[in-house]
Amino acid sequence: MANSLQGKTIAFLVAPEGVEQVELTEPWQAVQQAGGTPRLVSTEAGKVQAFNHLDKADTFDVDETVDAADTAQYDALVLPGGVANPDFLRTQPRAVAFAESFFAAGKPVASICHAPWTLVEADLVRGRTITSWPSLRTDLRNAGATWVDEEVVVCEAGPNVLISSRKPDDLKAFTGEMLDRF
């Protein structure tokens, strides 16, 4: 397999409620199909409630809480979107610190849709080129990022790689870049 993640463990950081299901499940399945191990990290133990836009969808078991998670155990971080998901995460200091720790360790991060809100809170977008759901454009620019309207953007700054996409329609390009960079 060209994009093998054999032996790699990828953290998926989500809130207890509000993650956009397809933005969680498609990258998750891509990691599994490439031989990697995805793990669901949240602010609370138990289950997380996913959504299809505004409608409740499936629930998923949390593998680890941010309080117990150690960035050293992970090779990369995926931040799925959904409006409520990153809006909640950015108010949780441990979740913000968990995202920051991947940048501090020089590990790749992938963010889709509204997920960059967590990165804005951590002051991790300054000087980077990024894309997102269009309504985040002003927030990202105000946080010092260069916002572009593209299917997928890979921004390499020093040891850090940030992969970003706008919406579920971009998932094929998003997961392709994610697998290449992870």
N, C-alpha and C. Protein backbone atom coordinates (compact mmCIF):
# COMPACT_ATOMS: atom_id res chain seq x y z
N MET A 1 0.84 -1.18 0.00
CA MET A 1 0.00 0.00 0.00
C MET A 1 0.88 1.24 0.00
N ALA A 2 0.59 2.19 -0.87
CA ALA A 2 1.41 3.39 -1.03
C ALA A 2 1.41 4.26 0.22
N ASN A 3 0.27 4.41 0.86
CA ASN A 3 0.16 5.28 2.02
C ASN A 3 0.04 4.46 3.30
N SER A 4 1.02 3.63 3.60
CA SER A 4 0.94 2.77 4.76
C SER A 4 1.16 3.56 6.05
N LEU A 5 0.27 3.32 6.99
CA LEU A 5 0.39 3.89 8.32
C LEU A 5 0.65 2.78 9.34
N GLN A 6 1.14 1.65 8.84
CA GLN A 6 1.41 0.50 9.70
C GLN A 6 2.25 0.94 10.90
N GLY A 7 1.79 0.59 12.09
CA GLY A 7 2.50 0.92 13.30
C GLY A 7 2.27 2.33 13.82
N LYS A 8 1.45 3.10 13.14
CA LYS A 8 1.20 4.48 13.57
C LYS A 8 -0.15 4.58 14.27
N THR A 9 -0.19 5.43 15.28
CA THR A 9 -1.42 5.66 16.03
C THR A 9 -1.81 7.13 15.86
N ILE A 10 -3.05 7.34 15.45
CA ILE A 10 -3.54 8.68 15.13
C ILE A 10 -4.64 9.07 16.11
N ALA A 11 -4.49 10.21 16.76
CA ALA A 11 -5.50 10.73 17.68
C ALA A 11 -6.56 11.50 16.91
N PHE A 12 -7.81 11.28 17.25
CA PHE A 12 -8.94 12.04 16.74
C PHE A 12 -9.56 12.76 17.94
N LEU A 13 -9.41 14.07 18.00
CA LEU A 13 -9.89 14.85 19.14
C LEU A 13 -11.29 15.38 18.85
N VAL A 14 -12.26 14.99 19.71
CA VAL A 14 -13.64 15.44 19.52
C VAL A 14 -14.28 15.77 20.86
N ALA A 15 -15.30 16.60 20.81
CA ALA A 15 -16.10 16.96 21.97
C ALA A 15 -17.08 15.84 22.28
N PRO A 16 -17.65 15.83 23.48
CA PRO A 16 -18.63 14.80 23.82
C PRO A 16 -19.87 14.82 22.92
N GLU A 17 -20.13 15.96 22.30
CA GLU A 17 -21.29 16.07 21.42
C GLU A 17 -21.01 17.09 20.33
N GLY A 18 -21.45 16.77 19.09
CA GLY A 18 -21.40 17.77 18.04
C GLY A 18 -20.44 17.54 16.90
N VAL A 19 -19.66 16.45 16.92
CA VAL A 19 -18.76 16.20 15.80
C VAL A 19 -19.58 15.82 14.56
N GLU A 20 -19.17 16.33 13.42
CA GLU A 20 -19.82 15.96 12.15
C GLU A 20 -19.39 14.53 11.83
N GLN A 21 -20.36 13.62 11.80
CA GLN A 21 -20.05 12.19 11.72
C GLN A 21 -19.15 11.84 10.55
N VAL A 22 -19.45 12.28 9.36
CA VAL A 22 -18.68 11.90 8.18
C VAL A 22 -17.24 12.44 8.26
N GLU A 23 -17.05 13.57 8.95
CA GLU A 23 -15.70 14.13 9.10
C GLU A 23 -14.88 13.37 10.14
N LEU A 24 -15.55 12.56 10.93
CA LEU A 24 -14.88 11.64 11.84
C LEU A 24 -14.68 10.27 11.17
N THR A 25 -15.74 9.73 10.59
CA THR A 25 -15.69 8.34 10.13
C THR A 25 -14.86 8.14 8.86
N GLU A 26 -14.91 9.06 7.91
CA GLU A 26 -14.13 8.84 6.68
C GLU A 26 -12.62 8.91 6.93
N PRO A 27 -12.10 9.91 7.64
CA PRO A 27 -10.67 9.88 7.95
C PRO A 27 -10.30 8.69 8.84
N TRP A 28 -11.16 8.32 9.76
CA TRP A 28 -10.94 7.17 10.65
C TRP A 28 -10.76 5.91 9.81
N GLN A 29 -11.69 5.68 8.88
CA GLN A 29 -11.62 4.50 8.02
C GLN A 29 -10.39 4.54 7.13
N ALA A 30 -10.01 5.71 6.67
CA ALA A 30 -8.80 5.84 5.83
C ALA A 30 -7.56 5.44 6.63
N VAL A 31 -7.49 5.85 7.89
CA VAL A 31 -6.36 5.47 8.74
C VAL A 31 -6.34 3.96 8.93
N GLN A 32 -7.50 3.37 9.22
CA GLN A 32 -7.57 1.91 9.39
C GLN A 32 -7.17 1.17 8.12
N GLN A 33 -7.68 1.61 6.98
CA GLN A 33 -7.38 0.95 5.71
C GLN A 33 -5.91 1.05 5.35
N ALA A 34 -5.23 2.08 5.85
CA ALA A 34 -3.80 2.25 5.59
C ALA A 34 -2.95 1.52 6.64
N GLY A 35 -3.61 0.79 7.53
CA GLY A 35 -2.88 -0.01 8.51
C GLY A 35 -2.59 0.69 9.82
N GLY A 36 -3.11 1.92 9.99
CA GLY A 36 -2.89 2.66 11.22
C GLY A 36 -3.94 2.35 12.27
N THR A 37 -3.72 2.88 13.45
CA THR A 37 -4.64 2.70 14.57
C THR A 37 -5.21 4.05 14.97
N PRO A 38 -6.48 4.31 14.66
CA PRO A 38 -7.12 5.55 15.11
C PRO A 38 -7.60 5.38 16.55
N ARG A 39 -7.51 6.46 17.33
CA ARG A 39 -8.01 6.44 18.71
C ARG A 39 -8.80 7.71 18.97
N LEU A 40 -9.96 7.53 19.58
CA LEU A 40 -10.86 8.65 19.84
C LEU A 40 -10.53 9.25 21.21
N VAL A 41 -10.16 10.51 21.20
CA VAL A 41 -9.80 11.25 22.41
C VAL A 41 -10.86 12.34 22.60
N SER A 42 -11.36 12.45 23.83
CA SER A 42 -12.38 13.46 24.13
C SER A 42 -12.14 14.03 25.53
N THR A 43 -12.95 15.00 25.87
CA THR A 43 -12.81 15.63 27.19
C THR A 43 -13.50 14.81 28.28
N GLU A 44 -14.33 13.87 27.89
CA GLU A 44 -15.04 13.02 28.86
C GLU A 44 -14.97 11.57 28.40
N ALA A 45 -14.95 10.66 29.37
CA ALA A 45 -14.99 9.23 29.07
C ALA A 45 -16.41 8.84 28.63
N GLY A 46 -16.54 7.65 28.06
CA GLY A 46 -17.85 7.15 27.66
C GLY A 46 -18.03 7.15 26.17
N LYS A 47 -19.05 7.82 25.72
CA LYS A 47 -19.36 7.89 24.29
C LYS A 47 -19.46 9.35 23.85
N VAL A 48 -19.21 9.57 22.56
CA VAL A 48 -19.46 10.88 21.96
C VAL A 48 -20.64 10.75 21.01
N GLN A 49 -21.39 11.83 20.91
CA GLN A 49 -22.56 11.88 20.03
C GLN A 49 -22.19 12.62 18.76
N ALA A 50 -22.25 11.92 17.64
CA ALA A 50 -21.98 12.54 16.35
C ALA A 50 -23.29 13.08 15.76
N PHE A 51 -23.13 13.96 14.77
CA PHE A 51 -24.29 14.57 14.10
C PHE A 51 -24.10 14.51 12.60
N ASN A 52 -25.22 14.46 11.89
CA ASN A 52 -25.28 14.70 10.45
C ASN A 52 -25.88 16.08 10.32
N HIS A 53 -25.03 17.06 10.21
CA HIS A 53 -25.42 18.48 10.25
C HIS A 53 -26.08 18.77 11.59
N LEU A 54 -27.39 18.96 11.65
CA LEU A 54 -28.06 19.30 12.91
C LEU A 54 -28.81 18.12 13.53
N ASP A 55 -28.76 16.97 12.85
CA ASP A 55 -29.49 15.80 13.33
C ASP A 55 -28.55 14.82 14.02
N LYS A 56 -29.00 14.29 15.18
CA LYS A 56 -28.19 13.30 15.88
C LYS A 56 -27.95 12.09 14.97
N ALA A 57 -26.74 11.59 15.03
CA ALA A 57 -26.36 10.41 14.24
C ALA A 57 -25.92 9.33 15.24
N ASP A 58 -24.80 8.68 14.97
CA ASP A 58 -24.33 7.58 15.79
C ASP A 58 -23.53 8.07 16.99
N THR A 59 -23.31 7.16 17.93
CA THR A 59 -22.41 7.43 19.04
C THR A 59 -21.16 6.57 18.86
N PHE A 60 -20.05 7.04 19.43
CA PHE A 60 -18.77 6.34 19.30
C PHE A 60 -18.09 6.30 20.66
N ASP A 61 -17.44 5.17 20.93
CA ASP A 61 -16.75 4.98 22.20
C ASP A 61 -15.47 5.81 22.25
N VAL A 62 -15.26 6.47 23.38
CA VAL A 62 -14.04 7.22 23.63
C VAL A 62 -12.96 6.23 24.07
N ASP A 63 -11.78 6.34 23.47
CA ASP A 63 -10.66 5.48 23.85
C ASP A 63 -9.87 6.07 25.02
N GLU A 64 -9.83 7.40 25.08
CA GLU A 64 -9.00 8.05 26.09
C GLU A 64 -9.48 9.49 26.27
N THR A 65 -9.35 10.02 27.47
CA THR A 65 -9.67 11.43 27.69
C THR A 65 -8.41 12.27 27.51
N VAL A 66 -8.60 13.55 27.25
CA VAL A 66 -7.44 14.44 27.10
C VAL A 66 -6.63 14.51 28.38
N ASP A 67 -7.27 14.31 29.52
CA ASP A 67 -6.55 14.33 30.79
C ASP A 67 -5.56 13.18 30.89
N ALA A 68 -5.86 12.05 30.27
CA ALA A 68 -4.98 10.88 30.33
C ALA A 68 -4.10 10.74 29.10
N ALA A 69 -4.42 11.44 28.03
CA ALA A 69 -3.71 11.28 26.76
C ALA A 69 -2.31 11.85 26.82
N ASP A 70 -1.40 11.14 26.18
CA ASP A 70 0.00 11.55 26.09
C ASP A 70 0.36 11.66 24.61
N THR A 71 0.69 12.85 24.19
CA THR A 71 1.02 13.09 22.78
C THR A 71 2.11 12.15 22.28
N ALA A 72 3.01 11.74 23.15
CA ALA A 72 4.10 10.84 22.76
C ALA A 72 3.58 9.51 22.23
N GLN A 73 2.36 9.14 22.59
CA GLN A 73 1.77 7.87 22.14
C GLN A 73 1.20 7.97 20.73
N TYR A 74 1.15 9.18 20.18
CA TYR A 74 0.49 9.41 18.90
C TYR A 74 1.46 9.94 17.86
N ASP A 75 1.16 9.62 16.60
CA ASP A 75 2.00 10.07 15.49
C ASP A 75 1.43 11.29 14.79
N ALA A 76 0.13 11.55 14.95
CA ALA A 76 -0.52 12.68 14.29
C ALA A 76 -1.87 12.93 14.96
N LEU A 77 -2.47 14.06 14.63
CA LEU A 77 -3.75 14.47 15.19
C LEU A 77 -4.71 14.84 14.08
N VAL A 78 -5.96 14.36 14.19
CA VAL A 78 -7.04 14.76 13.29
C VAL A 78 -8.08 15.52 14.11
N LEU A 79 -8.46 16.68 13.60
CA LEU A 79 -9.51 17.50 14.21
C LEU A 79 -10.70 17.54 13.27
N PRO A 80 -11.71 16.68 13.49
CA PRO A 80 -12.92 16.73 12.67
C PRO A 80 -13.72 17.98 13.00
N GLY A 81 -14.63 18.32 12.10
CA GLY A 81 -15.44 19.52 12.30
C GLY A 81 -16.80 19.25 12.89
N GLY A 82 -17.76 20.00 12.38
CA GLY A 82 -19.06 20.14 13.01
C GLY A 82 -18.99 21.46 13.75
N VAL A 83 -20.05 22.21 13.79
CA VAL A 83 -20.00 23.53 14.42
C VAL A 83 -19.81 23.42 15.93
N ALA A 84 -20.60 22.59 16.59
CA ALA A 84 -20.57 22.50 18.05
C ALA A 84 -19.27 21.88 18.57
N ASN A 85 -18.70 20.95 17.82
CA ASN A 85 -17.51 20.22 18.26
C ASN A 85 -16.33 21.15 18.57
N PRO A 86 -15.79 21.89 17.60
CA PRO A 86 -14.65 22.75 17.92
C PRO A 86 -15.03 23.96 18.77
N ASP A 87 -16.30 24.37 18.69
CA ASP A 87 -16.73 25.49 19.53
C ASP A 87 -16.62 25.09 21.00
N PHE A 88 -16.97 23.85 21.33
CA PHE A 88 -16.81 23.35 22.69
C PHE A 88 -15.32 23.14 23.02
N LEU A 89 -14.59 22.49 22.13
CA LEU A 89 -13.19 22.17 22.41
C LEU A 89 -12.35 23.41 22.71
N ARG A 90 -12.63 24.51 22.02
CA ARG A 90 -11.81 25.70 22.21
C ARG A 90 -12.02 26.35 23.58
N THR A 91 -13.05 25.91 24.29
CA THR A 91 -13.29 26.42 25.64
C THR A 91 -12.73 25.50 26.72
N GLN A 92 -12.09 24.42 26.29
CA GLN A 92 -11.56 23.43 27.21
C GLN A 92 -10.03 23.49 27.22
N PRO A 93 -9.42 24.06 28.26
CA PRO A 93 -7.97 24.23 28.27
C PRO A 93 -7.17 22.95 28.00
N ARG A 94 -7.62 21.80 28.50
CA ARG A 94 -6.88 20.55 28.26
C ARG A 94 -6.98 20.14 26.79
N ALA A 95 -8.09 20.37 26.15
CA ALA A 95 -8.22 20.03 24.72
C ALA A 95 -7.33 20.95 23.89
N VAL A 96 -7.32 22.23 24.22
CA VAL A 96 -6.47 23.18 23.50
C VAL A 96 -5.00 22.81 23.71
N ALA A 97 -4.64 22.46 24.94
CA ALA A 97 -3.25 22.07 25.24
C ALA A 97 -2.87 20.79 24.49
N PHE A 98 -3.81 19.88 24.35
CA PHE A 98 -3.54 18.63 23.62
C PHE A 98 -3.22 18.96 22.16
N ALA A 99 -4.01 19.83 21.53
CA ALA A 99 -3.72 20.23 20.15
C ALA A 99 -2.36 20.93 20.07
N GLU A 100 -2.09 21.83 21.01
CA GLU A 100 -0.81 22.54 21.03
C GLU A 100 0.37 21.58 21.12
N SER A 101 0.20 20.51 21.87
CA SER A 101 1.30 19.58 22.10
C SER A 101 1.76 18.89 20.82
N PHE A 102 0.87 18.71 19.86
CA PHE A 102 1.26 18.11 18.58
C PHE A 102 2.16 19.05 17.79
N PHE A 103 1.84 20.33 17.83
CA PHE A 103 2.68 21.32 17.15
C PHE A 103 4.04 21.42 17.85
N ALA A 104 4.02 21.42 19.18
CA ALA A 104 5.27 21.50 19.94
C ALA A 104 6.18 20.31 19.65
N ALA A 105 5.57 19.15 19.39
CA ALA A 105 6.33 17.94 19.11
C ALA A 105 6.68 17.78 17.63
N GLY A 106 6.23 18.72 16.78
CA GLY A 106 6.52 18.65 15.35
C GLY A 106 5.75 17.55 14.64
N LYS A 107 4.57 17.20 15.18
CA LYS A 107 3.76 16.13 14.58
C LYS A 107 2.67 16.73 13.70
N PRO A 108 2.31 16.06 12.60
CA PRO A 108 1.31 16.60 11.69
C PRO A 108 -0.09 16.66 12.31
N VAL A 109 -0.83 17.68 11.85
CA VAL A 109 -2.20 17.91 12.29
C VAL A 109 -3.07 18.12 11.06
N ALA A 110 -4.26 17.48 11.07
CA ALA A 110 -5.23 17.65 9.98
C ALA A 110 -6.52 18.20 10.57
N SER A 111 -7.07 19.22 9.92
CA SER A 111 -8.23 19.95 10.44
C SER A 111 -9.22 20.19 9.30
N ILE A 112 -10.50 19.92 9.55
CA ILE A 112 -11.49 20.11 8.50
C ILE A 112 -12.70 20.90 9.01
N CYS A 113 -13.26 21.69 8.12
CA CYS A 113 -14.50 22.42 8.34
C CYS A 113 -14.36 23.48 9.43
N HIS A 114 -15.07 23.36 10.55
CA HIS A 114 -15.01 24.33 11.64
C HIS A 114 -13.88 24.03 12.64
N ALA A 115 -13.17 22.92 12.47
CA ALA A 115 -12.16 22.49 13.43
C ALA A 115 -11.06 23.52 13.69
N PRO A 116 -10.69 24.39 12.74
CA PRO A 116 -9.64 25.36 13.05
C PRO A 116 -9.92 26.28 14.23
N TRP A 117 -11.18 26.35 14.69
CA TRP A 117 -11.45 27.16 15.87
C TRP A 117 -10.58 26.73 17.05
N THR A 118 -10.37 25.43 17.20
CA THR A 118 -9.51 24.94 18.28
C THR A 118 -8.09 25.44 18.08
N LEU A 119 -7.62 25.47 16.84
CA LEU A 119 -6.27 25.95 16.53
C LEU A 119 -6.14 27.45 16.73
N VAL A 120 -7.21 28.18 16.45
CA VAL A 120 -7.21 29.63 16.69
C VAL A 120 -7.03 29.88 18.19
N GLU A 121 -7.78 29.15 18.99
CA GLU A 121 -7.70 29.32 20.45
C GLU A 121 -6.29 29.04 20.97
N ALA A 122 -5.60 28.10 20.32
CA ALA A 122 -4.24 27.73 20.73
C ALA A 122 -3.18 28.63 20.09
N ASP A 123 -3.60 29.62 19.29
CA ASP A 123 -2.69 30.52 18.59
C ASP A 123 -1.71 29.75 17.69
N LEU A 124 -2.27 28.78 16.95
CA LEU A 124 -1.45 27.93 16.10
C LEU A 124 -1.59 28.21 14.61
N VAL A 125 -2.39 29.20 14.23
CA VAL A 125 -2.58 29.47 12.81
C VAL A 125 -1.81 30.70 12.32
N ARG A 126 -1.26 31.47 13.24
CA ARG A 126 -0.53 32.68 12.88
C ARG A 126 0.59 32.35 11.89
N GLY A 127 0.60 33.07 10.75
CA GLY A 127 1.64 32.88 9.75
C GLY A 127 1.44 31.67 8.84
N ARG A 128 0.32 30.98 9.00
CA ARG A 128 0.05 29.78 8.19
C ARG A 128 -1.01 30.07 7.13
N THR A 129 -0.98 29.29 6.08
CA THR A 129 -2.04 29.31 5.08
C THR A 129 -2.95 28.14 5.39
N ILE A 130 -4.26 28.43 5.41
CA ILE A 130 -5.24 27.43 5.85
C ILE A 130 -6.55 27.64 5.12
N THR A 131 -7.34 26.58 5.07
CA THR A 131 -8.71 26.69 4.59
C THR A 131 -9.63 26.13 5.65
N SER A 132 -10.93 26.40 5.49
CA SER A 132 -11.93 25.98 6.48
C SER A 132 -13.30 26.21 5.87
N TRP A 133 -14.32 25.93 6.67
CA TRP A 133 -15.66 26.35 6.31
C TRP A 133 -15.61 27.87 6.14
N PRO A 134 -16.23 28.43 5.11
CA PRO A 134 -16.09 29.87 4.82
C PRO A 134 -16.39 30.82 5.97
N SER A 135 -17.29 30.45 6.87
CA SER A 135 -17.64 31.38 7.96
C SER A 135 -16.50 31.60 8.96
N LEU A 136 -15.45 30.78 8.89
CA LEU A 136 -14.29 30.96 9.78
C LEU A 136 -13.24 31.89 9.19
N ARG A 137 -13.42 32.30 7.95
CA ARG A 137 -12.44 33.12 7.24
C ARG A 137 -11.97 34.32 8.08
N THR A 138 -12.90 35.10 8.61
CA THR A 138 -12.53 36.29 9.37
C THR A 138 -11.81 35.91 10.67
N ASP A 139 -12.30 34.88 11.36
CA ASP A 139 -11.64 34.43 12.59
C ASP A 139 -10.19 34.03 12.31
N LEU A 140 -9.98 33.30 11.24
CA LEU A 140 -8.63 32.84 10.90
C LEU A 140 -7.73 34.01 10.49
N ARG A 141 -8.27 34.91 9.70
CA ARG A 141 -7.47 36.10 9.32
C ARG A 141 -7.13 36.94 10.55
N ASN A 142 -8.10 37.12 11.44
CA ASN A 142 -7.85 37.89 12.66
C ASN A 142 -6.82 37.22 13.56
N ALA A 143 -6.69 35.90 13.43
CA ALA A 143 -5.71 35.15 14.22
C ALA A 143 -4.35 35.08 13.52
N GLY A 144 -4.22 35.77 12.38
CA GLY A 144 -2.93 35.86 11.71
C GLY A 144 -2.69 34.87 10.60
N ALA A 145 -3.71 34.13 10.20
CA ALA A 145 -3.57 33.15 9.12
C ALA A 145 -3.89 33.80 7.77
N THR A 146 -3.41 33.17 6.73
CA THR A 146 -3.83 33.50 5.37
C THR A 146 -4.88 32.47 5.00
N TRP A 147 -6.13 32.92 4.82
CA TRP A 147 -7.23 32.01 4.52
C TRP A 147 -7.40 31.93 3.01
N VAL A 148 -7.55 30.71 2.49
CA VAL A 148 -7.81 30.50 1.07
C VAL A 148 -9.00 29.57 0.91
N ASP A 149 -9.70 29.72 -0.20
CA ASP A 149 -10.86 28.89 -0.49
C ASP A 149 -10.42 27.79 -1.45
N GLU A 150 -9.86 26.72 -0.90
CA GLU A 150 -9.37 25.60 -1.70
C GLU A 150 -9.81 24.29 -1.07
N GLU A 151 -9.89 23.25 -1.89
CA GLU A 151 -10.33 21.93 -1.45
C GLU A 151 -9.48 21.38 -0.30
N VAL A 152 -8.18 21.50 -0.44
CA VAL A 152 -7.26 21.05 0.60
C VAL A 152 -6.02 21.93 0.54
N VAL A 153 -5.48 22.24 1.72
CA VAL A 153 -4.27 23.06 1.81
C VAL A 153 -3.30 22.33 2.72
N VAL A 154 -2.06 22.23 2.28
CA VAL A 154 -0.99 21.68 3.12
C VAL A 154 -0.03 22.83 3.40
N CYS A 155 0.11 23.17 4.66
CA CYS A 155 1.00 24.25 5.07
C CYS A 155 2.12 23.65 5.90
N GLU A 156 3.34 23.75 5.37
CA GLU A 156 4.51 23.26 6.09
C GLU A 156 5.25 24.47 6.63
N ALA A 157 5.37 24.52 7.94
CA ALA A 157 6.08 25.62 8.60
C ALA A 157 7.02 25.01 9.63
N GLY A 158 8.30 25.04 9.32
CA GLY A 158 9.27 24.39 10.20
C GLY A 158 8.99 22.91 10.24
N PRO A 159 8.98 22.33 11.44
CA PRO A 159 8.73 20.89 11.54
C PRO A 159 7.26 20.53 11.46
N ASN A 160 6.39 21.52 11.40
CA ASN A 160 4.96 21.26 11.45
C ASN A 160 4.31 21.21 10.09
N VAL A 161 3.40 20.25 9.95
CA VAL A 161 2.57 20.15 8.76
C VAL A 161 1.12 20.28 9.22
N LEU A 162 0.40 21.21 8.59
CA LEU A 162 -1.02 21.40 8.87
C LEU A 162 -1.79 21.17 7.59
N ILE A 163 -2.66 20.18 7.60
CA ILE A 163 -3.51 19.86 6.46
C ILE A 163 -4.90 20.38 6.79
N SER A 164 -5.52 21.10 5.87
CA SER A 164 -6.87 21.62 6.14
C SER A 164 -7.76 21.50 4.91
N SER A 165 -9.05 21.33 5.18
CA SER A 165 -10.07 21.28 4.13
C SER A 165 -11.31 22.02 4.60
N ARG A 166 -12.20 22.31 3.65
CA ARG A 166 -13.34 23.18 3.92
C ARG A 166 -14.58 22.47 4.46
N LYS A 167 -14.87 21.25 3.90
CA LYS A 167 -16.20 20.66 4.15
C LYS A 167 -16.21 19.18 3.78
N PRO A 168 -17.30 18.49 4.09
CA PRO A 168 -17.38 17.07 3.75
C PRO A 168 -17.13 16.74 2.28
N ASP A 169 -17.53 17.62 1.38
CA ASP A 169 -17.29 17.37 -0.05
C ASP A 169 -15.80 17.27 -0.38
N ASP A 170 -14.94 17.77 0.50
CA ASP A 170 -13.49 17.76 0.28
C ASP A 170 -12.81 16.55 0.91
N LEU A 171 -13.58 15.63 1.49
CA LEU A 171 -12.98 14.54 2.26
C LEU A 171 -12.01 13.67 1.46
N LYS A 172 -12.28 13.42 0.21
CA LYS A 172 -11.37 12.57 -0.58
C LYS A 172 -9.98 13.22 -0.67
N ALA A 173 -9.94 14.49 -0.99
CA ALA A 173 -8.66 15.20 -1.07
C ALA A 173 -8.02 15.31 0.32
N PHE A 174 -8.84 15.58 1.33
CA PHE A 174 -8.36 15.72 2.71
C PHE A 174 -7.70 14.42 3.19
N THR A 175 -8.41 13.30 3.03
CA THR A 175 -7.84 12.04 3.51
C THR A 175 -6.62 11.64 2.68
N GLY A 176 -6.59 11.96 1.40
CA GLY A 176 -5.43 11.65 0.58
C GLY A 176 -4.19 12.37 1.08
N GLU A 177 -4.30 13.67 1.32
CA GLU A 177 -3.16 14.44 1.85
C GLU A 177 -2.80 13.98 3.26
N MET A 178 -3.83 13.69 4.04
CA MET A 178 -3.59 13.24 5.40
C MET A 178 -2.75 11.96 5.40
N LEU A 179 -3.12 11.02 4.59
CA LEU A 179 -2.38 9.76 4.53
C LEU A 179 -0.95 9.98 4.00
N ASP A 180 -0.80 10.86 3.02
CA ASP A 180 0.54 11.15 2.48
C ASP A 180 1.44 11.78 3.54
N ARG A 181 0.88 12.66 4.37
CA ARG A 181 1.70 13.42 5.33
C ARG A 181 1.87 12.71 6.67
N PHE A 182 0.94 11.80 6.99
CA PHE A 182 1.07 11.08 8.26
C PHE A 182 2.05 9.94 8.12
